[in-house]
Amino acid sequence: MDHVFAYLLREFPHLAGPQFAKAKRALREHLAGERVYVAARGSGDRAALAREVLSLFNGRNATEVARSLSISRATVYRLLKQTARRS
């Protein structure tokens, strides 16, 4: 949960302050003791991600594409392979 709040503050620094701290405490109390599963990208998101990989990939920049999309190199190659199979 700390990662989620850190991400929110990084992306939206204007949220910092007493209200944010209050919301953080309230959410911690609400979810106390529960395990929460966050699903991976949905299938619609996966198709969009595959299109984005295809548009960025030039044949030699898998690491760069992976970094820019916050995915692994293996995912880049997997999406390229799946897309090639469909063609």
C-alpha atoms as a PDB file:
ATOM      1  CA  MET A   1       0.000   0.000   0.000  1.00  0.00           C
ATOM      2  CA  ASP A   2       2.928   2.309   0.662  1.00  0.00           C
ATOM      3  CA  HIS A   3       3.905   2.001  -2.996  1.00  0.00           C
ATOM      4  CA  VAL A   4       0.449   3.138  -4.076  1.00  0.00           C
ATOM      5  CA  PHE A   5       0.557   6.238  -1.910  1.00  0.00           C
ATOM      6  CA  ALA A   6       4.133   7.018  -2.939  1.00  0.00           C
ATOM      7  CA  TYR A   7       3.090   6.719  -6.585  1.00  0.00           C
ATOM      8  CA  LEU A   8       0.126   9.030  -6.048  1.00  0.00           C
ATOM      9  CA  LEU A   9       2.318  11.677  -4.442  1.00  0.00           C
ATOM     10  CA  ARG A  10       4.918  11.365  -7.200  1.00  0.00           C
ATOM     11  CA  GLU A  11       2.332  11.745  -9.940  1.00  0.00           C
ATOM     12  CA  PHE A  12       0.111  14.262  -8.149  1.00  0.00           C
ATOM     13  CA  PRO A  13       2.293  16.251  -5.725  1.00  0.00           C
ATOM     14  CA  HIS A  14      -0.481  18.771  -5.164  1.00  0.00           C
ATOM     15  CA  LEU A  15      -2.325  16.083  -3.158  1.00  0.00           C
ATOM     16  CA  ALA A  16       0.232  16.201  -0.334  1.00  0.00           C
ATOM     17  CA  GLY A  17      -1.043  17.562   2.931  1.00  0.00           C
ATOM     18  CA  PRO A  18      -3.213  16.744   5.914  1.00  0.00           C
ATOM     19  CA  GLN A  19      -6.176  15.535   3.816  1.00  0.00           C
ATOM     20  CA  PHE A  20      -3.956  13.060   1.988  1.00  0.00           C
ATOM     21  CA  ALA A  21      -2.580  11.753   5.281  1.00  0.00           C
ATOM     22  CA  LYS A  22      -6.136  11.443   6.611  1.00  0.00           C
ATOM     23  CA  ALA A  23      -7.223   9.489   3.505  1.00  0.00           C
ATOM     24  CA  LYS A  24      -4.187   7.224   3.833  1.00  0.00           C
ATOM     25  CA  ARG A  25      -5.038   6.422   7.467  1.00  0.00           C
ATOM     26  CA  ALA A  26      -8.704   5.826   6.619  1.00  0.00           C
ATOM     27  CA  LEU A  27      -7.859   3.439   3.798  1.00  0.00           C
ATOM     28  CA  ARG A  28      -5.403   1.545   5.974  1.00  0.00           C
ATOM     29  CA  GLU A  29      -8.082   1.134   8.643  1.00  0.00           C
ATOM     30  CA  HIS A  30     -10.664   0.082   6.066  1.00  0.00           C
ATOM     31  CA  LEU A  31      -8.405  -2.572   4.491  1.00  0.00           C
ATOM     32  CA  ALA A  32      -6.671  -3.701   7.694  1.00  0.00           C
ATOM     33  CA  GLY A  33      -5.905  -7.399   7.574  1.00  0.00           C
ATOM     34  CA  GLU A  34      -7.272  -7.918   4.055  1.00  0.00           C
ATOM     35  CA  ARG A  35      -5.346  -9.139   1.064  1.00  0.00           C
ATOM     36  CA  VAL A  36      -6.158  -7.132  -2.005  1.00  0.00           C
ATOM     37  CA  TYR A  37      -5.456  -8.443  -5.497  1.00  0.00           C
ATOM     38  CA  VAL A  38      -4.800  -5.971  -8.284  1.00  0.00           C
ATOM     39  CA  ALA A  39      -5.355  -7.623 -11.641  1.00  0.00           C
ATOM     40  CA  ALA A  40      -2.944  -7.181 -14.504  1.00  0.00           C
ATOM     41  CA  ARG A  41      -3.941  -5.154 -17.521  1.00  0.00           C
ATOM     42  CA  GLY A  42      -7.224  -6.275 -19.068  1.00  0.00           C
ATOM     43  CA  SER A  43      -7.442  -7.843 -22.514  1.00  0.00           C
ATOM     44  CA  GLY A  44      -8.485  -4.535 -24.079  1.00  0.00           C
ATOM     45  CA  ASP A  45      -5.478  -2.889 -22.506  1.00  0.00           C
ATOM     46  CA  ARG A  46      -3.305  -5.725 -23.775  1.00  0.00           C
ATOM     47  CA  ALA A  47      -4.346  -5.101 -27.376  1.00  0.00           C
ATOM     48  CA  ALA A  48      -3.629  -1.395 -26.982  1.00  0.00           C
ATOM     49  CA  LEU A  49      -0.282  -2.226 -25.413  1.00  0.00           C
ATOM     50  CA  ALA A  50       0.566  -4.548 -28.316  1.00  0.00           C
ATOM     51  CA  ARG A  51      -0.233  -1.766 -30.810  1.00  0.00           C
ATOM     52  CA  GLU A  52       1.942   0.633 -28.856  1.00  0.00           C
ATOM     53  CA  VAL A  53       4.840  -1.847 -28.775  1.00  0.00           C
ATOM     54  CA  LEU A  54       4.514  -2.331 -32.535  1.00  0.00           C
ATOM     55  CA  SER A  55       4.553   1.398 -33.150  1.00  0.00           C
ATOM     56  CA  LEU A  56       7.670   1.956 -31.038  1.00  0.00           C
ATOM     57  CA  PHE A  57       9.712  -1.131 -31.906  1.00  0.00           C
ATOM     58  CA  ASN A  58      12.258  -0.704 -34.692  1.00  0.00           C
ATOM     59  CA  GLY A  59      13.808  -4.163 -34.552  1.00  0.00           C
ATOM     60  CA  ARG A  60      16.641  -3.296 -32.182  1.00  0.00           C
ATOM     61  CA  ASN A  61      15.214  -1.218 -29.339  1.00  0.00           C
ATOM     62  CA  ALA A  62      13.347  -3.730 -27.136  1.00  0.00           C
ATOM     63  CA  THR A  63      14.950  -2.428 -23.936  1.00  0.00           C
ATOM     64  CA  GLU A  64      14.057   1.164 -24.780  1.00  0.00           C
ATOM     65  CA  VAL A  65      10.459   0.207 -25.636  1.00  0.00           C
ATOM     66  CA  ALA A  66      10.154  -1.804 -22.421  1.00  0.00           C
ATOM     67  CA  ARG A  67      11.393   1.105 -20.310  1.00  0.00           C
ATOM     68  CA  SER A  68       9.116   3.634 -21.969  1.00  0.00           C
ATOM     69  CA  LEU A  69       6.047   1.433 -21.418  1.00  0.00           C
ATOM     70  CA  SER A  70       7.062   0.139 -17.957  1.00  0.00           C
ATOM     71  CA  ILE A  71       7.026  -3.487 -19.068  1.00  0.00           C
ATOM     72  CA  SER A  72       9.712  -6.144 -19.290  1.00  0.00           C
ATOM     73  CA  ARG A  73      11.724  -6.930 -22.409  1.00  0.00           C
ATOM     74  CA  ALA A  74      10.193 -10.394 -22.327  1.00  0.00           C
ATOM     75  CA  THR A  75       6.746  -8.800 -22.566  1.00  0.00           C
ATOM     76  CA  VAL A  76       7.871  -6.731 -25.550  1.00  0.00           C
ATOM     77  CA  TYR A  77       9.034  -9.868 -27.360  1.00  0.00           C
ATOM     78  CA  ARG A  78       5.944 -11.841 -26.287  1.00  0.00           C
ATOM     79  CA  LEU A  79       3.628  -9.168 -27.679  1.00  0.00           C
ATOM     80  CA  LEU A  80       5.615  -8.978 -30.909  1.00  0.00           C
ATOM     81  CA  LYS A  81       5.466 -12.761 -31.273  1.00  0.00           C
ATOM     82  CA  GLN A  82       1.718 -12.926 -30.574  1.00  0.00           C
ATOM     83  CA  THR A  83       1.052 -10.131 -33.036  1.00  0.00           C
ATOM     84  CA  ALA A  84       3.149 -11.876 -35.714  1.00  0.00           C
ATOM     85  CA  ARG A  85       1.168 -15.103 -35.208  1.00  0.00           C
ATOM     86  CA  ARG A  86      -2.132 -13.270 -35.789  1.00  0.00           C
ATOM     87  CA  SER A  87      -0.931 -11.729 -39.061  1.00  0.00           C
END
